[in-house]
Amino acid sequence: MGYIAGLIFGLGLAVSGMTDPARVLGFLDVAGAWDPTLMFVLGGAVVTNFIGYRLVLRRPHPLLGERFQLPTRTDLDGRLIGGAALFGIGWGLSGYCPGPAFASLGGLTLPLLAMLVAMVVGWFLARAISARG
C-alpha cells in the first residue's frame, strides 16, 4: 500500500507541476515574480489530509494492518529544528524537496542529480551522527 500511495503522490506532484523547481522557486520569490500555485497545492493537500485522517481513524484498525502507527512525540528538539532548517535551505536552493525530486527522475538533470546526491549523503551523515551520540 505504501508503494501505491507513493505512486499516487508522485502522480499528483507531476500533474500539479510541482516537479518543476522554477515553480517552487517562484513561490519563494515573494518580492519578485511570485507564483502562488504551490500555496494552492499545499492547501489542497492539507484539506485532503484533514478529512482523510478523520474518516480513516474512525475505523478500529487499518485495512491492511493490526493497528495504526501514529507519531507519539510532541516535543521539539535540536535535531528536529536543525533538520527542518536544512530541509528548507536545500529546498530553497534547489527548488526540489524529496518527493518532487524522486518524481522528476525521468528527466534527470545535473542540478537534480546534485540535489539527490546531497540528500542521500545527508541521510548517511545524520545516521552516523545519531549513532555516535
N, C-alpha and C. Protein backbone atom coordinates (compact mmCIF):
# COMPACT_ATOMS: atom_id res chain seq x y z
N MET A 1 0.82 -1.20 0.00
CA MET A 1 0.00 0.00 0.00
C MET A 1 0.86 1.26 0.00
N GLY A 2 2.01 1.19 0.68
CA GLY A 2 2.90 2.35 0.69
C GLY A 2 3.40 2.69 -0.70
N TYR A 3 3.68 1.66 -1.49
CA TYR A 3 4.14 1.87 -2.86
C TYR A 3 3.04 2.54 -3.69
N ILE A 4 1.82 2.06 -3.56
CA ILE A 4 0.69 2.64 -4.30
C ILE A 4 0.47 4.09 -3.87
N ALA A 5 0.54 4.35 -2.56
CA ALA A 5 0.39 5.72 -2.08
C ALA A 5 1.49 6.62 -2.63
N GLY A 6 2.72 6.10 -2.70
CA GLY A 6 3.82 6.87 -3.27
C GLY A 6 3.62 7.17 -4.74
N LEU A 7 3.10 6.20 -5.48
CA LEU A 7 2.81 6.43 -6.90
C LEU A 7 1.74 7.51 -7.08
N ILE A 8 0.71 7.45 -6.27
CA ILE A 8 -0.36 8.46 -6.36
C ILE A 8 0.18 9.83 -6.00
N PHE A 9 1.03 9.88 -4.96
CA PHE A 9 1.64 11.14 -4.55
C PHE A 9 2.50 11.71 -5.68
N GLY A 10 3.35 10.86 -6.28
CA GLY A 10 4.20 11.31 -7.38
C GLY A 10 3.39 11.78 -8.57
N LEU A 11 2.31 11.08 -8.88
CA LEU A 11 1.43 11.49 -9.97
C LEU A 11 0.81 12.85 -9.68
N GLY A 12 0.38 13.04 -8.44
CA GLY A 12 -0.18 14.34 -8.05
C GLY A 12 0.83 15.47 -8.18
N LEU A 13 2.08 15.19 -7.80
CA LEU A 13 3.13 16.20 -7.94
C LEU A 13 3.36 16.55 -9.40
N ALA A 14 3.39 15.52 -10.24
CA ALA A 14 3.63 15.76 -11.67
C ALA A 14 2.47 16.52 -12.30
N VAL A 15 1.23 16.13 -11.99
CA VAL A 15 0.05 16.78 -12.58
C VAL A 15 -0.04 18.24 -12.13
N SER A 16 0.32 18.50 -10.87
CA SER A 16 0.22 19.86 -10.35
C SER A 16 1.39 20.75 -10.77
N GLY A 17 2.40 20.17 -11.41
CA GLY A 17 3.55 20.95 -11.84
C GLY A 17 4.58 21.18 -10.75
N MET A 18 4.46 20.49 -9.62
CA MET A 18 5.38 20.70 -8.51
C MET A 18 6.71 20.01 -8.69
N THR A 19 6.90 19.29 -9.80
CA THR A 19 8.22 18.73 -10.08
C THR A 19 9.10 19.73 -10.82
N ASP A 20 8.55 20.90 -11.10
CA ASP A 20 9.30 21.97 -11.77
C ASP A 20 9.90 22.89 -10.72
N PRO A 21 11.23 22.86 -10.53
CA PRO A 21 11.82 23.68 -9.48
C PRO A 21 11.59 25.18 -9.69
N ALA A 22 11.41 25.61 -10.93
CA ALA A 22 11.16 27.03 -11.18
C ALA A 22 9.85 27.47 -10.54
N ARG A 23 8.87 26.59 -10.51
CA ARG A 23 7.59 26.91 -9.89
C ARG A 23 7.74 27.08 -8.39
N VAL A 24 8.52 26.18 -7.78
CA VAL A 24 8.75 26.27 -6.34
C VAL A 24 9.55 27.52 -6.01
N LEU A 25 10.60 27.78 -6.77
CA LEU A 25 11.40 28.99 -6.52
C LEU A 25 10.58 30.25 -6.75
N GLY A 26 9.64 30.19 -7.71
CA GLY A 26 8.74 31.32 -7.94
C GLY A 26 7.85 31.57 -6.74
N PHE A 27 7.45 30.52 -6.05
CA PHE A 27 6.65 30.68 -4.84
C PHE A 27 7.47 31.33 -3.73
N LEU A 28 8.74 30.99 -3.66
CA LEU A 28 9.60 31.55 -2.61
C LEU A 28 10.03 32.98 -2.91
N ASP A 29 9.84 33.44 -4.14
CA ASP A 29 10.25 34.78 -4.55
C ASP A 29 9.10 35.77 -4.29
N VAL A 30 8.85 36.05 -3.01
CA VAL A 30 7.71 36.91 -2.66
C VAL A 30 7.93 38.37 -3.06
N ALA A 31 9.16 38.78 -3.25
CA ALA A 31 9.43 40.17 -3.62
C ALA A 31 9.52 40.36 -5.13
N GLY A 32 9.49 39.26 -5.88
CA GLY A 32 9.64 39.36 -7.33
C GLY A 32 8.40 38.84 -8.05
N ALA A 33 8.62 37.90 -8.95
CA ALA A 33 7.52 37.31 -9.75
C ALA A 33 6.92 36.15 -8.97
N TRP A 34 6.15 36.47 -7.93
CA TRP A 34 5.60 35.46 -7.03
C TRP A 34 4.59 34.58 -7.74
N ASP A 35 4.72 33.25 -7.57
CA ASP A 35 3.81 32.27 -8.15
C ASP A 35 3.08 31.57 -7.01
N PRO A 36 1.78 31.82 -6.83
CA PRO A 36 1.04 31.25 -5.69
C PRO A 36 0.61 29.80 -5.87
N THR A 37 0.97 29.16 -6.98
CA THR A 37 0.49 27.81 -7.27
C THR A 37 0.77 26.83 -6.13
N LEU A 38 1.97 26.86 -5.58
CA LEU A 38 2.35 25.94 -4.53
C LEU A 38 1.43 26.09 -3.32
N MET A 39 1.01 27.30 -3.01
CA MET A 39 0.12 27.52 -1.88
C MET A 39 -1.20 26.77 -2.08
N PHE A 40 -1.72 26.77 -3.29
CA PHE A 40 -2.98 26.07 -3.57
C PHE A 40 -2.79 24.55 -3.52
N VAL A 41 -1.65 24.06 -4.01
CA VAL A 41 -1.37 22.63 -3.94
C VAL A 41 -1.24 22.20 -2.48
N LEU A 42 -0.50 22.97 -1.68
CA LEU A 42 -0.34 22.65 -0.26
C LEU A 42 -1.68 22.74 0.47
N GLY A 43 -2.46 23.75 0.14
CA GLY A 43 -3.79 23.88 0.77
C GLY A 43 -4.68 22.69 0.44
N GLY A 44 -4.66 22.24 -0.81
CA GLY A 44 -5.44 21.06 -1.19
C GLY A 44 -4.98 19.82 -0.45
N ALA A 45 -3.67 19.69 -0.25
CA ALA A 45 -3.13 18.55 0.48
C ALA A 45 -3.54 18.59 1.95
N VAL A 46 -3.51 19.76 2.55
CA VAL A 46 -3.89 19.89 3.97
C VAL A 46 -5.36 19.55 4.15
N VAL A 47 -6.22 20.06 3.29
CA VAL A 47 -7.65 19.77 3.40
C VAL A 47 -7.92 18.28 3.19
N THR A 48 -7.30 17.69 2.17
CA THR A 48 -7.49 16.26 1.91
C THR A 48 -7.01 15.42 3.09
N ASN A 49 -5.85 15.76 3.64
CA ASN A 49 -5.31 15.03 4.77
C ASN A 49 -6.19 15.19 6.01
N PHE A 50 -6.67 16.39 6.25
CA PHE A 50 -7.53 16.66 7.40
C PHE A 50 -8.78 15.79 7.35
N ILE A 51 -9.43 15.75 6.20
CA ILE A 51 -10.65 14.95 6.04
C ILE A 51 -10.32 13.47 6.08
N GLY A 52 -9.26 13.07 5.37
CA GLY A 52 -8.89 11.66 5.31
C GLY A 52 -8.57 11.07 6.67
N TYR A 53 -7.81 11.79 7.49
CA TYR A 53 -7.48 11.29 8.82
C TYR A 53 -8.74 11.08 9.64
N ARG A 54 -9.67 12.02 9.58
CA ARG A 54 -10.89 11.87 10.37
C ARG A 54 -11.71 10.66 9.94
N LEU A 55 -11.75 10.41 8.65
CA LEU A 55 -12.50 9.25 8.15
C LEU A 55 -11.80 7.94 8.50
N VAL A 56 -10.49 7.88 8.28
CA VAL A 56 -9.75 6.64 8.50
C VAL A 56 -9.68 6.29 9.98
N LEU A 57 -9.45 7.28 10.83
CA LEU A 57 -9.28 6.98 12.26
C LEU A 57 -10.59 6.61 12.96
N ARG A 58 -11.69 6.66 12.26
CA ARG A 58 -12.95 6.15 12.82
C ARG A 58 -12.95 4.63 12.84
N ARG A 59 -12.11 4.03 12.01
CA ARG A 59 -12.03 2.58 11.93
C ARG A 59 -11.28 2.03 13.15
N PRO A 60 -11.57 0.80 13.56
CA PRO A 60 -10.85 0.23 14.71
C PRO A 60 -9.40 -0.12 14.39
N HIS A 61 -9.10 -0.39 13.10
CA HIS A 61 -7.73 -0.70 12.68
C HIS A 61 -7.64 -0.47 11.17
N PRO A 62 -6.41 -0.35 10.65
CA PRO A 62 -6.26 -0.14 9.20
C PRO A 62 -6.75 -1.37 8.42
N LEU A 63 -7.03 -1.17 7.15
CA LEU A 63 -7.49 -2.28 6.31
C LEU A 63 -6.43 -3.37 6.19
N LEU A 64 -5.17 -2.99 6.09
CA LEU A 64 -4.10 -3.96 5.88
C LEU A 64 -3.11 -3.99 7.03
N GLY A 65 -3.58 -3.78 8.24
CA GLY A 65 -2.69 -3.80 9.39
C GLY A 65 -3.46 -4.06 10.67
N GLU A 66 -2.71 -4.34 11.74
CA GLU A 66 -3.34 -4.63 13.02
C GLU A 66 -3.67 -3.38 13.81
N ARG A 67 -2.81 -2.34 13.65
CA ARG A 67 -3.05 -1.11 14.40
C ARG A 67 -2.50 0.07 13.61
N PHE A 68 -2.99 1.25 13.94
CA PHE A 68 -2.48 2.47 13.32
C PHE A 68 -1.13 2.80 13.94
N GLN A 69 -0.23 3.30 13.13
CA GLN A 69 1.09 3.70 13.61
C GLN A 69 1.18 5.22 13.49
N LEU A 70 0.87 5.89 14.58
CA LEU A 70 0.85 7.35 14.60
C LEU A 70 2.00 7.86 15.46
N PRO A 71 2.54 9.03 15.15
CA PRO A 71 3.62 9.58 15.98
C PRO A 71 3.12 9.88 17.39
N THR A 72 4.00 9.67 18.35
CA THR A 72 3.64 9.92 19.75
C THR A 72 4.41 11.09 20.35
N ARG A 73 5.56 11.44 19.76
CA ARG A 73 6.36 12.54 20.31
C ARG A 73 5.74 13.87 19.94
N THR A 74 5.75 14.79 20.88
CA THR A 74 5.22 16.13 20.64
C THR A 74 6.24 17.22 20.97
N ASP A 75 7.44 16.83 21.41
CA ASP A 75 8.44 17.83 21.79
C ASP A 75 9.25 18.28 20.58
N LEU A 76 9.83 19.45 20.71
CA LEU A 76 10.74 19.98 19.70
C LEU A 76 12.15 19.89 20.26
N ASP A 77 13.05 19.31 19.48
CA ASP A 77 14.44 19.26 19.93
C ASP A 77 15.35 19.82 18.84
N GLY A 78 16.62 19.90 19.13
CA GLY A 78 17.58 20.48 18.20
C GLY A 78 17.67 19.71 16.89
N ARG A 79 17.56 18.39 16.97
CA ARG A 79 17.63 17.58 15.74
C ARG A 79 16.46 17.90 14.82
N LEU A 80 15.26 18.03 15.37
CA LEU A 80 14.09 18.33 14.56
C LEU A 80 14.20 19.72 13.94
N ILE A 81 14.56 20.69 14.74
CA ILE A 81 14.66 22.07 14.25
C ILE A 81 15.80 22.19 13.23
N GLY A 82 16.94 21.56 13.53
CA GLY A 82 18.07 21.59 12.59
C GLY A 82 17.73 20.89 11.28
N GLY A 83 17.06 19.75 11.36
CA GLY A 83 16.66 19.03 10.15
C GLY A 83 15.67 19.83 9.32
N ALA A 84 14.72 20.47 9.99
CA ALA A 84 13.75 21.30 9.27
C ALA A 84 14.44 22.48 8.59
N ALA A 85 15.40 23.07 9.28
CA ALA A 85 16.14 24.20 8.70
C ALA A 85 16.94 23.75 7.48
N LEU A 86 17.62 22.61 7.60
CA LEU A 86 18.39 22.10 6.45
C LEU A 86 17.48 21.74 5.28
N PHE A 87 16.32 21.17 5.59
CA PHE A 87 15.34 20.85 4.55
C PHE A 87 14.92 22.12 3.81
N GLY A 88 14.57 23.15 4.57
CA GLY A 88 14.14 24.41 3.97
C GLY A 88 15.24 25.07 3.16
N ILE A 89 16.45 25.04 3.67
CA ILE A 89 17.57 25.64 2.93
C ILE A 89 17.80 24.88 1.63
N GLY A 90 17.81 23.55 1.70
CA GLY A 90 18.00 22.75 0.49
C GLY A 90 16.88 22.95 -0.52
N TRP A 91 15.66 23.04 -0.03
CA TRP A 91 14.52 23.25 -0.90
C TRP A 91 14.62 24.62 -1.58
N GLY A 92 14.97 25.62 -0.80
CA GLY A 92 15.09 26.97 -1.36
C GLY A 92 16.23 27.09 -2.36
N LEU A 93 17.34 26.40 -2.11
CA LEU A 93 18.48 26.48 -3.03
C LEU A 93 18.24 25.70 -4.32
N SER A 94 17.60 24.54 -4.21
CA SER A 94 17.47 23.67 -5.38
C SER A 94 16.10 23.76 -6.05
N GLY A 95 15.08 24.13 -5.29
CA GLY A 95 13.72 24.12 -5.82
C GLY A 95 13.08 22.75 -5.74
N TYR A 96 13.79 21.78 -5.16
CA TYR A 96 13.27 20.42 -5.02
C TYR A 96 13.16 20.05 -3.55
N CYS A 97 12.08 19.37 -3.20
CA CYS A 97 12.04 18.64 -1.95
C CYS A 97 12.05 17.17 -2.34
N PRO A 98 12.22 16.23 -1.42
CA PRO A 98 12.43 14.84 -1.80
C PRO A 98 11.34 14.25 -2.71
N GLY A 99 10.08 14.51 -2.43
CA GLY A 99 9.01 13.93 -3.26
C GLY A 99 9.12 14.33 -4.72
N PRO A 100 9.11 15.63 -5.03
CA PRO A 100 9.25 16.04 -6.41
C PRO A 100 10.59 15.64 -7.03
N ALA A 101 11.64 15.56 -6.23
CA ALA A 101 12.94 15.15 -6.76
C ALA A 101 12.86 13.73 -7.30
N PHE A 102 12.29 12.82 -6.52
CA PHE A 102 12.17 11.44 -6.98
C PHE A 102 11.17 11.33 -8.13
N ALA A 103 10.12 12.14 -8.10
CA ALA A 103 9.13 12.12 -9.18
C ALA A 103 9.73 12.65 -10.48
N SER A 104 10.82 13.41 -10.40
CA SER A 104 11.46 14.01 -11.58
C SER A 104 12.60 13.16 -12.13
N LEU A 105 12.82 11.99 -11.59
CA LEU A 105 13.96 11.17 -12.02
C LEU A 105 13.93 10.86 -13.51
N GLY A 106 12.75 10.82 -14.12
CA GLY A 106 12.66 10.54 -15.55
C GLY A 106 13.36 11.58 -16.40
N GLY A 107 13.42 12.82 -15.93
CA GLY A 107 14.09 13.90 -16.66
C GLY A 107 15.31 14.36 -15.90
N LEU A 108 16.19 13.43 -15.55
CA LEU A 108 17.35 13.73 -14.72
C LEU A 108 18.24 14.81 -15.34
N THR A 109 18.51 15.84 -14.54
CA THR A 109 19.42 16.91 -14.94
C THR A 109 20.56 16.97 -13.93
N LEU A 110 21.60 17.70 -14.25
CA LEU A 110 22.74 17.81 -13.34
C LEU A 110 22.33 18.45 -12.00
N PRO A 111 21.55 19.55 -11.98
CA PRO A 111 21.14 20.10 -10.68
C PRO A 111 20.30 19.11 -9.86
N LEU A 112 19.44 18.36 -10.52
CA LEU A 112 18.63 17.36 -9.80
C LEU A 112 19.53 16.27 -9.25
N LEU A 113 20.48 15.80 -10.04
CA LEU A 113 21.41 14.78 -9.57
C LEU A 113 22.21 15.28 -8.37
N ALA A 114 22.67 16.51 -8.43
CA ALA A 114 23.43 17.09 -7.31
C ALA A 114 22.58 17.14 -6.05
N MET A 115 21.32 17.53 -6.21
CA MET A 115 20.43 17.59 -5.04
C MET A 115 20.21 16.20 -4.46
N LEU A 116 19.97 15.19 -5.32
CA LEU A 116 19.73 13.83 -4.84
C LEU A 116 20.96 13.26 -4.15
N VAL A 117 22.15 13.51 -4.70
CA VAL A 117 23.39 13.04 -4.06
C VAL A 117 23.55 13.71 -2.70
N ALA A 118 23.33 15.01 -2.63
CA ALA A 118 23.45 15.73 -1.35
C ALA A 118 22.44 15.19 -0.34
N MET A 119 21.24 14.87 -0.79
CA MET A 119 20.21 14.36 0.12
C MET A 119 20.61 12.99 0.67
N VAL A 120 21.10 12.11 -0.19
CA VAL A 120 21.50 10.78 0.25
C VAL A 120 22.70 10.86 1.19
N VAL A 121 23.67 11.70 0.87
CA VAL A 121 24.82 11.90 1.76
C VAL A 121 24.33 12.43 3.11
N GLY A 122 23.37 13.34 3.09
CA GLY A 122 22.80 13.87 4.33
C GLY A 122 22.14 12.79 5.17
N TRP A 123 21.45 11.86 4.53
CA TRP A 123 20.83 10.75 5.26
C TRP A 123 21.89 9.94 5.99
N PHE A 124 22.99 9.61 5.27
CA PHE A 124 24.04 8.81 5.88
C PHE A 124 24.76 9.59 6.98
N LEU A 125 24.99 10.88 6.77
CA LEU A 125 25.62 11.70 7.81
C LEU A 125 24.74 11.78 9.05
N ALA A 126 23.45 11.99 8.86
CA ALA A 126 22.54 12.08 10.00
C ALA A 126 22.53 10.77 10.79
N ARG A 127 22.56 9.65 10.07
CA ARG A 127 22.60 8.35 10.74
C ARG A 127 23.90 8.17 11.52
N ALA A 128 25.00 8.55 10.90
CA ALA A 128 26.30 8.40 11.56
C ALA A 128 26.39 9.28 12.80
N ILE A 129 25.92 10.51 12.69
CA ILE A 129 25.94 11.44 13.83
C ILE A 129 25.03 10.92 14.93
N SER A 130 23.85 10.42 14.57
CA SER A 130 22.90 9.91 15.54
C SER A 130 23.46 8.68 16.26
N ALA A 131 24.17 7.83 15.55
CA ALA A 131 24.73 6.62 16.15
C ALA A 131 25.86 6.94 17.13
N ARG A 132 26.56 8.04 16.87
CA ARG A 132 27.68 8.43 17.74
C ARG A 132 27.22 9.04 19.05
N GLY A 133 26.09 9.71 19.02
CA GLY A 133 25.72 10.43 20.24
C GLY A 133 24.36 10.14 20.65
